[in-house]
Amino acid sequence: MATIRTLLFMLAGWVIWSSCFVALYAAVYLGCKYMEVPLDRISTLNTVLVVVWLAHAAVLVWVTMQSWRHWRAHERNRPPESRFTRTLALLLNATALVAIVWLGLPTLVTPPCPA
């Protein structure tokens, strides 16, 4: 039987990813609507977007590392269902980590507002 902790670890990665997605989308919308954003240099909006992205990524790295430690600590002498849920939690968090990196890369290389 999966514990509450394992179930939370299963959901945590993608909840953090969705929070990052919404926060970045809202910051781009509000920044482009209310700020003067130059296209030729880094602006305050770029900095805000990178900070928001890195904050979410740092939390997700921590959750993935905790999931990894949880998986390693309980790898042996557990029923197959327990190993499956811990492995699933680890894989879900790892895929969310890849997705959050993919989500944030455009903030590093493209201007946030259209010309």
PDB file of N, CA and C in Angstrom:
ATOM      1  N   MET A   1       0.835  -1.173   0.000  1.00  0.00           N
ATOM      2  CA  MET A   1       0.000   0.000   0.000  1.00  0.00           C
ATOM      3  C   MET A   1       0.885   1.244   0.000  1.00  0.00           C
ATOM      4  N   ALA A   2       0.561   2.155  -0.849  1.00  0.00           N
ATOM      5  CA  ALA A   2       1.342   3.392  -0.950  1.00  0.00           C
ATOM      6  C   ALA A   2       1.041   4.296   0.242  1.00  0.00           C
ATOM      7  N   THR A   3       2.083   4.893   0.756  1.00  0.00           N
ATOM      8  CA  THR A   3       1.893   5.815   1.873  1.00  0.00           C
ATOM      9  C   THR A   3       1.529   7.196   1.335  1.00  0.00           C
ATOM     10  N   ILE A   4       1.064   8.033   2.237  1.00  0.00           N
ATOM     11  CA  ILE A   4       0.714   9.407   1.857  1.00  0.00           C
ATOM     12  C   ILE A   4       1.952  10.127   1.339  1.00  0.00           C
ATOM     13  N   ARG A   5       3.106   9.882   1.975  1.00  0.00           N
ATOM     14  CA  ARG A   5       4.343  10.528   1.541  1.00  0.00           C
ATOM     15  C   ARG A   5       4.689  10.156   0.101  1.00  0.00           C
ATOM     16  N   THR A   6       4.553   8.880  -0.219  1.00  0.00           N
ATOM     17  CA  THR A   6       4.848   8.440  -1.585  1.00  0.00           C
ATOM     18  C   THR A   6       3.872   9.056  -2.579  1.00  0.00           C
ATOM     19  N   LEU A   7       2.597   9.119  -2.214  1.00  0.00           N
ATOM     20  CA  LEU A   7       1.611   9.736  -3.114  1.00  0.00           C
ATOM     21  C   LEU A   7       1.902  11.221  -3.317  1.00  0.00           C
ATOM     22  N   LEU A   8       2.318  11.901  -2.248  1.00  0.00           N
ATOM     23  CA  LEU A   8       2.680  13.313  -2.397  1.00  0.00           C
ATOM     24  C   LEU A   8       3.902  13.471  -3.287  1.00  0.00           C
ATOM     25  N   PHE A   9       4.863  12.570  -3.150  1.00  0.00           N
ATOM     26  CA  PHE A   9       6.034  12.625  -4.022  1.00  0.00           C
ATOM     27  C   PHE A   9       5.647  12.364  -5.478  1.00  0.00           C
ATOM     28  N   MET A  10       4.656  11.522  -5.704  1.00  0.00           N
ATOM     29  CA  MET A  10       4.212  11.269  -7.076  1.00  0.00           C
ATOM     30  C   MET A  10       3.649  12.534  -7.722  1.00  0.00           C
ATOM     31  N   LEU A  11       2.919  13.311  -6.949  1.00  0.00           N
ATOM     32  CA  LEU A  11       2.268  14.502  -7.492  1.00  0.00           C
ATOM     33  C   LEU A  11       3.136  15.752  -7.460  1.00  0.00           C
ATOM     34  N   ALA A  12       4.100  15.808  -6.574  1.00  0.00           N
ATOM     35  CA  ALA A  12       4.833  17.047  -6.310  1.00  0.00           C
ATOM     36  C   ALA A  12       5.530  17.610  -7.541  1.00  0.00           C
ATOM     37  N   GLY A  13       6.191  16.782  -8.310  1.00  0.00           N
ATOM     38  CA  GLY A  13       6.957  17.267  -9.458  1.00  0.00           C
ATOM     39  C   GLY A  13       6.095  18.002 -10.476  1.00  0.00           C
ATOM     40  N   TRP A  14       4.977  17.403 -10.825  1.00  0.00           N
ATOM     41  CA  TRP A  14       4.137  18.026 -11.845  1.00  0.00           C
ATOM     42  C   TRP A  14       3.320  19.185 -11.287  1.00  0.00           C
ATOM     43  N   VAL A  15       3.052  19.198  -9.992  1.00  0.00           N
ATOM     44  CA  VAL A  15       2.408  20.362  -9.376  1.00  0.00           C
ATOM     45  C   VAL A  15       3.373  21.547  -9.409  1.00  0.00           C
ATOM     46  N   ILE A  16       4.639  21.302  -9.106  1.00  0.00           N
ATOM     47  CA  ILE A  16       5.649  22.368  -9.162  1.00  0.00           C
ATOM     48  C   ILE A  16       5.821  22.849 -10.596  1.00  0.00           C
ATOM     49  N   TRP A  17       5.849  21.923 -11.555  1.00  0.00           N
ATOM     50  CA  TRP A  17       5.970  22.311 -12.956  1.00  0.00           C
ATOM     51  C   TRP A  17       4.788  23.191 -13.373  1.00  0.00           C
ATOM     52  N   SER A  18       3.579  22.800 -12.991  1.00  0.00           N
ATOM     53  CA  SER A  18       2.415  23.599 -13.393  1.00  0.00           C
ATOM     54  C   SER A  18       2.419  24.965 -12.710  1.00  0.00           C
ATOM     55  N   SER A  19       2.883  25.020 -11.488  1.00  0.00           N
ATOM     56  CA  SER A  19       3.019  26.305 -10.796  1.00  0.00           C
ATOM     57  C   SER A  19       4.014  27.201 -11.530  1.00  0.00           C
ATOM     58  N   CYS A  20       5.110  26.628 -11.967  1.00  0.00           N
ATOM     59  CA  CYS A  20       6.107  27.394 -12.726  1.00  0.00           C
ATOM     60  C   CYS A  20       5.523  27.885 -14.045  1.00  0.00           C
ATOM     61  N   PHE A  21       4.791  27.017 -14.727  1.00  0.00           N
ATOM     62  CA  PHE A  21       4.182  27.384 -16.001  1.00  0.00           C
ATOM     63  C   PHE A  21       3.237  28.566 -15.833  1.00  0.00           C
ATOM     64  N   VAL A  22       2.371  28.498 -14.842  1.00  0.00           N
ATOM     65  CA  VAL A  22       1.413  29.577 -14.610  1.00  0.00           C
ATOM     66  C   VAL A  22       2.130  30.861 -14.193  1.00  0.00           C
ATOM     67  N   ALA A  23       3.122  30.747 -13.318  1.00  0.00           N
ATOM     68  CA  ALA A  23       3.848  31.934 -12.855  1.00  0.00           C
ATOM     69  C   ALA A  23       4.598  32.609 -14.004  1.00  0.00           C
ATOM     70  N   LEU A  24       5.256  31.822 -14.849  1.00  0.00           N
ATOM     71  CA  LEU A  24       5.971  32.406 -15.990  1.00  0.00           C
ATOM     72  C   LEU A  24       5.007  33.029 -16.989  1.00  0.00           C
ATOM     73  N   TYR A  25       3.918  32.343 -17.262  1.00  0.00           N
ATOM     74  CA  TYR A  25       2.929  32.864 -18.202  1.00  0.00           C
ATOM     75  C   TYR A  25       2.347  34.183 -17.685  1.00  0.00           C
ATOM     76  N   ALA A  26       2.002  34.234 -16.411  1.00  0.00           N
ATOM     77  CA  ALA A  26       1.445  35.454 -15.830  1.00  0.00           C
ATOM     78  C   ALA A  26       2.476  36.578 -15.819  1.00  0.00           C
ATOM     79  N   ALA A  27       3.733  36.251 -15.498  1.00  0.00           N
ATOM     80  CA  ALA A  27       4.777  37.280 -15.468  1.00  0.00           C
ATOM     81  C   ALA A  27       5.032  37.848 -16.861  1.00  0.00           C
ATOM     82  N   VAL A  28       5.030  37.009 -17.867  1.00  0.00           N
ATOM     83  CA  VAL A  28       5.219  37.500 -19.240  1.00  0.00           C
ATOM     84  C   VAL A  28       4.052  38.382 -19.650  1.00  0.00           C
ATOM     85  N   TYR A  29       2.848  37.935 -19.357  1.00  0.00           N
ATOM     86  CA  TYR A  29       1.675  38.731 -19.724  1.00  0.00           C
ATOM     87  C   TYR A  29       1.696  40.101 -19.042  1.00  0.00           C
ATOM     88  N   LEU A  30       1.872  40.086 -17.735  1.00  0.00           N
ATOM     89  CA  LEU A  30       1.855  41.351 -16.994  1.00  0.00           C
ATOM     90  C   LEU A  30       3.047  42.233 -17.342  1.00  0.00           C
ATOM     91  N   GLY A  31       4.206  41.623 -17.517  1.00  0.00           N
ATOM     92  CA  GLY A  31       5.393  42.398 -17.875  1.00  0.00           C
ATOM     93  C   GLY A  31       5.273  43.046 -19.245  1.00  0.00           C
ATOM     94  N   CYS A  32       4.786  42.304 -20.207  1.00  0.00           N
ATOM     95  CA  CYS A  32       4.647  42.861 -21.551  1.00  0.00           C
ATOM     96  C   CYS A  32       3.529  43.902 -21.614  1.00  0.00           C
ATOM     97  N   LYS A  33       2.526  43.755 -20.800  1.00  0.00           N
ATOM     98  CA  LYS A  33       1.413  44.698 -20.815  1.00  0.00           C
ATOM     99  C   LYS A  33       1.760  46.017 -20.118  1.00  0.00           C
ATOM    100  N   TYR A  34       2.505  45.954 -19.009  1.00  0.00           N
ATOM    101  CA  TYR A  34       2.706  47.140 -18.184  1.00  0.00           C
ATOM    102  C   TYR A  34       4.130  47.675 -18.148  1.00  0.00           C
ATOM    103  N   MET A  35       5.077  47.009 -18.782  1.00  0.00           N
ATOM    104  CA  MET A  35       6.471  47.461 -18.743  1.00  0.00           C
ATOM    105  C   MET A  35       6.973  47.779 -20.143  1.00  0.00           C
ATOM    106  N   GLU A  36       7.927  48.670 -20.193  1.00  0.00           N
ATOM    107  CA  GLU A  36       8.653  48.924 -21.442  1.00  0.00           C
ATOM    108  C   GLU A  36       9.802  47.925 -21.487  1.00  0.00           C
ATOM    109  N   VAL A  37       9.731  46.973 -22.403  1.00  0.00           N
ATOM    110  CA  VAL A  37      10.734  45.911 -22.470  1.00  0.00           C
ATOM    111  C   VAL A  37      11.563  46.100 -23.741  1.00  0.00           C
ATOM    112  N   PRO A  38      12.852  46.433 -23.601  1.00  0.00           N
ATOM    113  CA  PRO A  38      13.700  46.585 -24.788  1.00  0.00           C
ATOM    114  C   PRO A  38      14.000  45.216 -25.404  1.00  0.00           C
ATOM    115  N   LEU A  39      14.087  45.198 -26.715  1.00  0.00           N
ATOM    116  CA  LEU A  39      14.359  43.944 -27.416  1.00  0.00           C
ATOM    117  C   LEU A  39      15.847  43.679 -27.585  1.00  0.00           C
ATOM    118  N   ASP A  40      16.673  44.685 -27.392  1.00  0.00           N
ATOM    119  CA  ASP A  40      18.094  44.525 -27.694  1.00  0.00           C
ATOM    120  C   ASP A  40      18.964  44.229 -26.478  1.00  0.00           C
ATOM    121  N   ARG A  41      18.404  44.253 -25.279  1.00  0.00           N
ATOM    122  CA  ARG A  41      19.211  43.968 -24.095  1.00  0.00           C
ATOM    123  C   ARG A  41      18.344  43.307 -23.020  1.00  0.00           C
ATOM    124  N   ILE A  42      19.006  42.827 -21.988  1.00  0.00           N
ATOM    125  CA  ILE A  42      18.312  42.157 -20.897  1.00  0.00           C
ATOM    126  C   ILE A  42      17.554  43.192 -20.070  1.00  0.00           C
ATOM    127  N   SER A  43      16.326  42.887 -19.768  1.00  0.00           N
ATOM    128  CA  SER A  43      15.490  43.810 -19.012  1.00  0.00           C
ATOM    129  C   SER A  43      15.177  43.234 -17.632  1.00  0.00           C
ATOM    130  N   THR A  44      14.470  44.015 -16.871  1.00  0.00           N
ATOM    131  CA  THR A  44      14.020  43.564 -15.555  1.00  0.00           C
ATOM    132  C   THR A  44      13.101  42.363 -15.693  1.00  0.00           C
ATOM    133  N   LEU A  45      12.296  42.363 -16.722  1.00  0.00           N
ATOM    134  CA  LEU A  45      11.390  41.237 -16.944  1.00  0.00           C
ATOM    135  C   LEU A  45      12.164  39.945 -17.179  1.00  0.00           C
ATOM    136  N   ASN A  46      13.229  40.005 -17.960  1.00  0.00           N
ATOM    137  CA  ASN A  46      14.061  38.811 -18.158  1.00  0.00           C
ATOM    138  C   ASN A  46      14.588  38.286 -16.818  1.00  0.00           C
ATOM    139  N   THR A  47      15.048  39.195 -15.992  1.00  0.00           N
ATOM    140  CA  THR A  47      15.585  38.799 -14.693  1.00  0.00           C
ATOM    141  C   THR A  47      14.507  38.165 -13.822  1.00  0.00           C
ATOM    142  N   VAL A  48      13.323  38.752 -13.809  1.00  0.00           N
ATOM    143  CA  VAL A  48      12.221  38.195 -13.030  1.00  0.00           C
ATOM    144  C   VAL A  48      11.869  36.793 -13.525  1.00  0.00           C
ATOM    145  N   LEU A  49      11.798  36.618 -14.822  1.00  0.00           N
ATOM    146  CA  LEU A  49      11.460  35.312 -15.383  1.00  0.00           C
ATOM    147  C   LEU A  49      12.497  34.257 -15.012  1.00  0.00           C
ATOM    148  N   VAL A  50      13.766  34.611 -15.100  1.00  0.00           N
ATOM    149  CA  VAL A  50      14.823  33.651 -14.767  1.00  0.00           C
ATOM    150  C   VAL A  50      14.793  33.310 -13.279  1.00  0.00           C
ATOM    151  N   VAL A  51      14.555  34.304 -12.431  1.00  0.00           N
ATOM    152  CA  VAL A  51      14.498  34.046 -10.990  1.00  0.00           C
ATOM    153  C   VAL A  51      13.315  33.144 -10.647  1.00  0.00           C
ATOM    154  N   VAL A  52      12.161  33.407 -11.231  1.00  0.00           N
ATOM    155  CA  VAL A  52      10.979  32.568 -10.992  1.00  0.00           C
ATOM    156  C   VAL A  52      11.253  31.138 -11.459  1.00  0.00           C
ATOM    157  N   TRP A  53      11.834  31.010 -12.626  1.00  0.00           N
ATOM    158  CA  TRP A  53      12.139  29.687 -13.179  1.00  0.00           C
ATOM    159  C   TRP A  53      13.148  28.943 -12.312  1.00  0.00           C
ATOM    160  N   LEU A  54      14.222  29.618 -11.913  1.00  0.00           N
ATOM    161  CA  LEU A  54      15.244  28.956 -11.100  1.00  0.00           C
ATOM    162  C   LEU A  54      14.725  28.595  -9.706  1.00  0.00           C
ATOM    163  N   ALA A  55      13.857  29.414  -9.152  1.00  0.00           N
ATOM    164  CA  ALA A  55      13.282  29.085  -7.844  1.00  0.00           C
ATOM    165  C   ALA A  55      12.452  27.805  -7.920  1.00  0.00           C
ATOM    166  N   HIS A  56      11.616  27.706  -8.942  1.00  0.00           N
ATOM    167  CA  HIS A  56      10.826  26.488  -9.116  1.00  0.00           C
ATOM    168  C   HIS A  56      11.731  25.291  -9.412  1.00  0.00           C
ATOM    169  N   ALA A  57      12.737  25.497 -10.238  1.00  0.00           N
ATOM    170  CA  ALA A  57      13.651  24.401 -10.565  1.00  0.00           C
ATOM    171  C   ALA A  57      14.405  23.923  -9.330  1.00  0.00           C
ATOM    172  N   ALA A  58      14.802  24.843  -8.472  1.00  0.00           N
ATOM    173  CA  ALA A  58      15.519  24.453  -7.250  1.00  0.00           C
ATOM    174  C   ALA A  58      14.621  23.615  -6.338  1.00  0.00           C
ATOM    175  N   VAL A  59      13.382  24.010  -6.197  1.00  0.00           N
ATOM    176  CA  VAL A  59      12.452  23.224  -5.374  1.00  0.00           C
ATOM    177  C   VAL A  59      12.242  21.848  -5.986  1.00  0.00           C
ATOM    178  N   LEU A  60      12.128  21.800  -7.298  1.00  0.00           N
ATOM    179  CA  LEU A  60      11.923  20.513  -7.964  1.00  0.00           C
ATOM    180  C   LEU A  60      13.156  19.626  -7.876  1.00  0.00           C
ATOM    181  N   VAL A  61      14.332  20.195  -7.935  1.00  0.00           N
ATOM    182  CA  VAL A  61      15.556  19.410  -7.738  1.00  0.00           C
ATOM    183  C   VAL A  61      15.565  18.824  -6.338  1.00  0.00           C
ATOM    184  N   TRP A  62      15.197  19.626  -5.340  1.00  0.00           N
ATOM    185  CA  TRP A  62      15.158  19.140  -3.971  1.00  0.00           C
ATOM    186  C   TRP A  62      14.146  17.994  -3.825  1.00  0.00           C
ATOM    187  N   VAL A  63      12.957  18.148  -4.407  1.00  0.00           N
ATOM    188  CA  VAL A  63      11.937  17.098  -4.327  1.00  0.00           C
ATOM    189  C   VAL A  63      12.424  15.829  -5.020  1.00  0.00           C
ATOM    190  N   THR A  64      13.074  15.974  -6.163  1.00  0.00           N
ATOM    191  CA  THR A  64      13.587  14.807  -6.879  1.00  0.00           C
ATOM    192  C   THR A  64      14.684  14.117  -6.078  1.00  0.00           C
ATOM    193  N   MET A  65      15.551  14.889  -5.445  1.00  0.00           N
ATOM    194  CA  MET A  65      16.595  14.283  -4.623  1.00  0.00           C
ATOM    195  C   MET A  65      15.991  13.567  -3.412  1.00  0.00           C
ATOM    196  N   GLN A  66      14.966  14.147  -2.802  1.00  0.00           N
ATOM    197  CA  GLN A  66      14.297  13.482  -1.687  1.00  0.00           C
ATOM    198  C   GLN A  66      13.615  12.197  -2.153  1.00  0.00           C
ATOM    199  N   SER A  67      13.033  12.240  -3.315  1.00  0.00           N
ATOM    200  CA  SER A  67      12.407  11.048  -3.877  1.00  0.00           C
ATOM    201  C   SER A  67      13.456   9.972  -4.161  1.00  0.00           C
ATOM    202  N   TRP A  68      14.607  10.388  -4.659  1.00  0.00           N
ATOM    203  CA  TRP A  68      15.708   9.464  -4.914  1.00  0.00           C
ATOM    204  C   TRP A  68      16.181   8.816  -3.606  1.00  0.00           C
ATOM    205  N   ARG A  69      16.364   9.636  -2.583  1.00  0.00           N
ATOM    206  CA  ARG A  69      16.807   9.104  -1.286  1.00  0.00           C
ATOM    207  C   ARG A  69      15.764   8.159  -0.696  1.00  0.00           C
ATOM    208  N   HIS A  70      14.512   8.520  -0.836  1.00  0.00           N
ATOM    209  CA  HIS A  70      13.426   7.678  -0.342  1.00  0.00           C
ATOM    210  C   HIS A  70      13.427   6.342  -1.091  1.00  0.00           C
ATOM    211  N   TRP A  71      13.643   6.391  -2.372  1.00  0.00           N
ATOM    212  CA  TRP A  71      13.680   5.182  -3.188  1.00  0.00           C
ATOM    213  C   TRP A  71      14.861   4.305  -2.802  1.00  0.00           C
ATOM    214  N   ARG A  72      16.044   4.909  -2.623  1.00  0.00           N
ATOM    215  CA  ARG A  72      17.238   4.147  -2.254  1.00  0.00           C
ATOM    216  C   ARG A  72      17.138   3.546  -0.862  1.00  0.00           C
ATOM    217  N   ALA A  73      16.557   4.292   0.072  1.00  0.00           N
ATOM    218  CA  ALA A  73      16.468   3.810   1.443  1.00  0.00           C
ATOM    219  C   ALA A  73      15.529   2.619   1.573  1.00  0.00           C
ATOM    220  N   HIS A  74      14.529   2.563   0.745  1.00  0.00           N
ATOM    221  CA  HIS A  74      13.531   1.499   0.836  1.00  0.00           C
ATOM    222  C   HIS A  74      13.584   0.560  -0.363  1.00  0.00           C
ATOM    223  N   GLU A  75      14.737   0.496  -1.006  1.00  0.00           N
ATOM    224  CA  GLU A  75      14.853  -0.320  -2.214  1.00  0.00           C
ATOM    225  C   GLU A  75      14.787  -1.810  -1.894  1.00  0.00           C
ATOM    226  N   ARG A  76      15.390  -2.228  -0.792  1.00  0.00           N
ATOM    227  CA  ARG A  76      15.448  -3.646  -0.444  1.00  0.00           C
ATOM    228  C   ARG A  76      14.397  -3.986   0.619  1.00  0.00           C
ATOM    229  N   ASN A  77      14.039  -5.230   0.634  1.00  0.00           N
ATOM    230  CA  ASN A  77      13.162  -5.783   1.664  1.00  0.00           C
ATOM    231  C   ASN A  77      11.793  -5.100   1.717  1.00  0.00           C
ATOM    232  N   ARG A  78      11.273  -4.763   0.589  1.00  0.00           N
ATOM    233  CA  ARG A  78       9.936  -4.172   0.529  1.00  0.00           C
ATOM    234  C   ARG A  78       9.091  -4.985  -0.449  1.00  0.00           C
ATOM    235  N   PRO A  79       7.779  -4.954  -0.266  1.00  0.00           N
ATOM    236  CA  PRO A  79       6.917  -5.654  -1.228  1.00  0.00           C
ATOM    237  C   PRO A  79       7.000  -4.993  -2.606  1.00  0.00           C
ATOM    238  N   PRO A  80       6.684  -5.724  -3.660  1.00  0.00           N
ATOM    239  CA  PRO A  80       6.771  -5.162  -5.023  1.00  0.00           C
ATOM    240  C   PRO A  80       5.921  -3.913  -5.228  1.00  0.00           C
ATOM    241  N   GLU A  81       4.759  -3.836  -4.582  1.00  0.00           N
ATOM    242  CA  GLU A  81       3.919  -2.648  -4.748  1.00  0.00           C
ATOM    243  C   GLU A  81       4.610  -1.406  -4.208  1.00  0.00           C
ATOM    244  N   SER A  82       5.287  -1.560  -3.085  1.00  0.00           N
ATOM    245  CA  SER A  82       5.992  -0.439  -2.486  1.00  0.00           C
ATOM    246  C   SER A  82       7.141   0.021  -3.380  1.00  0.00           C
ATOM    247  N   ARG A  83       7.885  -0.932  -3.929  1.00  0.00           N
ATOM    248  CA  ARG A  83       8.965  -0.565  -4.851  1.00  0.00           C
ATOM    249  C   ARG A  83       8.411   0.119  -6.089  1.00  0.00           C
ATOM    250  N   PHE A  84       7.285  -0.374  -6.583  1.00  0.00           N
ATOM    251  CA  PHE A  84       6.685   0.224  -7.777  1.00  0.00           C
ATOM    252  C   PHE A  84       6.286   1.675  -7.530  1.00  0.00           C
ATOM    253  N   THR A  85       5.625   1.948  -6.401  1.00  0.00           N
ATOM    254  CA  THR A  85       5.161   3.314  -6.158  1.00  0.00           C
ATOM    255  C   THR A  85       6.329   4.264  -5.926  1.00  0.00           C
ATOM    256  N   ARG A  86       7.368   3.807  -5.249  1.00  0.00           N
ATOM    257  CA  ARG A  86       8.547   4.662  -5.049  1.00  0.00           C
ATOM    258  C   ARG A  86       9.281   4.906  -6.364  1.00  0.00           C
ATOM    259  N   THR A  87       9.356   3.867  -7.194  1.00  0.00           N
ATOM    260  CA  THR A  87       9.993   4.032  -8.503  1.00  0.00           C
ATOM    261  C   THR A  87       9.174   4.974  -9.381  1.00  0.00           C
ATOM    262  N   LEU A  88       7.867   4.819  -9.328  1.00  0.00           N
ATOM    263  CA  LEU A  88       6.992   5.705 -10.098  1.00  0.00           C
ATOM    264  C   LEU A  88       7.136   7.154  -9.642  1.00  0.00           C
ATOM    265  N   ALA A  89       7.194   7.373  -8.337  1.00  0.00           N
ATOM    266  CA  ALA A  89       7.373   8.732  -7.812  1.00  0.00           C
ATOM    267  C   ALA A  89       8.687   9.322  -8.301  1.00  0.00           C
ATOM    268  N   LEU A  90       9.748   8.540  -8.265  1.00  0.00           N
ATOM    269  CA  LEU A  90      11.051   9.020  -8.736  1.00  0.00           C
ATOM    270  C   LEU A  90      11.007   9.355 -10.226  1.00  0.00           C
ATOM    271  N   LEU A  91      10.423   8.489 -11.026  1.00  0.00           N
ATOM    272  CA  LEU A  91      10.363   8.740 -12.469  1.00  0.00           C
ATOM    273  C   LEU A  91       9.473   9.936 -12.809  1.00  0.00           C
ATOM    274  N   LEU A  92       8.369  10.094 -12.110  1.00  0.00           N
ATOM    275  CA  LEU A  92       7.510  11.259 -12.348  1.00  0.00           C
ATOM    276  C   LEU A  92       8.232  12.558 -12.010  1.00  0.00           C
ATOM    277  N   ASN A  93       8.954  12.569 -10.898  1.00  0.00           N
ATOM    278  CA  ASN A  93       9.706  13.770 -10.537  1.00  0.00           C
ATOM    279  C   ASN A  93      10.839  14.038 -11.513  1.00  0.00           C
ATOM    280  N   ALA A  94      11.494  12.995 -11.986  1.00  0.00           N
ATOM    281  CA  ALA A  94      12.583  13.180 -12.951  1.00  0.00           C
ATOM    282  C   ALA A  94      12.055  13.730 -14.277  1.00  0.00           C
ATOM    283  N   THR A  95      10.907  13.235 -14.722  1.00  0.00           N
ATOM    284  CA  THR A  95      10.349  13.767 -15.972  1.00  0.00           C
ATOM    285  C   THR A  95       9.874  15.207 -15.785  1.00  0.00           C
ATOM    286  N   ALA A  96       9.341  15.527 -14.616  1.00  0.00           N
ATOM    287  CA  ALA A  96       8.946  16.917 -14.348  1.00  0.00           C
ATOM    288  C   ALA A  96      10.168  17.829 -14.327  1.00  0.00           C
ATOM    289  N   LEU A  97      11.291  17.325 -13.843  1.00  0.00           N
ATOM    290  CA  LEU A  97      12.531  18.109 -13.839  1.00  0.00           C
ATOM    291  C   LEU A  97      12.992  18.393 -15.270  1.00  0.00           C
ATOM    292  N   VAL A  98      12.935  17.396 -16.112  1.00  0.00           N
ATOM    293  CA  VAL A  98      13.280  17.606 -17.527  1.00  0.00           C
ATOM    294  C   VAL A  98      12.318  18.616 -18.153  1.00  0.00           C
ATOM    295  N   ALA A  99      11.039  18.494 -17.834  1.00  0.00           N
ATOM    296  CA  ALA A  99      10.041  19.409 -18.394  1.00  0.00           C
ATOM    297  C   ALA A  99      10.243  20.845 -17.914  1.00  0.00           C
ATOM    298  N   ILE A 100      10.638  21.022 -16.665  1.00  0.00           N
ATOM    299  CA  ILE A 100      10.827  22.390 -16.160  1.00  0.00           C
ATOM    300  C   ILE A 100      12.070  23.021 -16.784  1.00  0.00           C
ATOM    301  N   VAL A 101      13.087  22.223 -17.051  1.00  0.00           N
ATOM    302  CA  VAL A 101      14.261  22.757 -17.762  1.00  0.00           C
ATOM    303  C   VAL A 101      13.853  23.167 -19.171  1.00  0.00           C
ATOM    304  N   TRP A 102      13.087  22.336 -19.829  1.00  0.00           N
ATOM    305  CA  TRP A 102      12.622  22.640 -21.186  1.00  0.00           C
ATOM    306  C   TRP A 102      11.726  23.884 -21.184  1.00  0.00           C
ATOM    307  N   LEU A 103      10.914  24.022 -20.171  1.00  0.00           N
ATOM    308  CA  LEU A 103      10.023  25.180 -20.057  1.00  0.00           C
ATOM    309  C   LEU A 103      10.801  26.472 -19.865  1.00  0.00           C
ATOM    310  N   GLY A 104      11.877  26.441 -19.109  1.00  0.00           N
ATOM    311  CA  GLY A 104      12.600  27.655 -18.778  1.00  0.00           C
ATOM    312  C   GLY A 104      13.664  28.075 -19.766  1.00  0.00           C
ATOM    313  N   LEU A 105      14.082  27.187 -20.634  1.00  0.00           N
ATOM    314  CA  LEU A 105      15.148  27.543 -21.577  1.00  0.00           C
ATOM    315  C   LEU A 105      14.823  28.755 -22.447  1.00  0.00           C
ATOM    316  N   PRO A 106      13.610  28.923 -22.947  1.00  0.00           N
ATOM    317  CA  PRO A 106      13.328  30.116 -23.747  1.00  0.00           C
ATOM    318  C   PRO A 106      13.504  31.432 -22.985  1.00  0.00           C
ATOM    319  N   THR A 107      13.388  31.417 -21.666  1.00  0.00           N
ATOM    320  CA  THR A 107      13.592  32.653 -20.908  1.00  0.00           C
ATOM    321  C   THR A 107      15.047  33.108 -20.969  1.00  0.00           C
ATOM    322  N   LEU A 108      15.941  32.192 -21.285  1.00  0.00           N
ATOM    323  CA  LEU A 108      17.357  32.527 -21.363  1.00  0.00           C
ATOM    324  C   LEU A 108      17.774  33.042 -22.733  1.00  0.00           C
ATOM    325  N   VAL A 109      17.059  32.664 -23.772  1.00  0.00           N
ATOM    326  CA  VAL A 109      17.549  32.952 -25.125  1.00  0.00           C
ATOM    327  C   VAL A 109      16.641  33.835 -25.986  1.00  0.00           C
ATOM    328  N   THR A 110      15.428  34.077 -25.544  1.00  0.00           N
ATOM    329  CA  THR A 110      14.537  34.883 -26.378  1.00  0.00           C
ATOM    330  C   THR A 110      13.991  36.077 -25.589  1.00  0.00           C
ATOM    331  N   PRO A 111      13.702  37.167 -26.283  1.00  0.00           N
ATOM    332  CA  PRO A 111      13.070  38.297 -25.589  1.00  0.00           C
ATOM    333  C   PRO A 111      11.632  37.896 -25.190  1.00  0.00           C
ATOM    334  N   PRO A 112      11.152  38.344 -24.042  1.00  0.00           N
ATOM    335  CA  PRO A 112       9.857  37.902 -23.570  1.00  0.00           C
ATOM    336  C   PRO A 112       8.656  38.469 -24.330  1.00  0.00           C
ATOM    337  N   CYS A 113       8.821  39.653 -24.880  1.00  0.00           N
ATOM    338  CA  CYS A 113       7.674  40.294 -25.544  1.00  0.00           C
ATOM    339  C   CYS A 113       7.896  40.336 -27.045  1.00  0.00           C
ATOM    340  N   PRO A 114       6.808  40.139 -27.811  1.00  0.00           N
ATOM    341  CA  PRO A 114       6.942  40.251 -29.265  1.00  0.00           C
ATOM    342  C   PRO A 114       7.201  41.709 -29.675  1.00  0.00           C
ATOM    343  N   ALA A 115       7.812  41.852 -30.806  1.00  0.00           N
ATOM    344  CA  ALA A 115       8.168  43.194 -31.290  1.00  0.00           C
ATOM    345  C   ALA A 115       6.960  44.007 -31.668  1.00  0.00           C
TER     346      ALA A 115
END
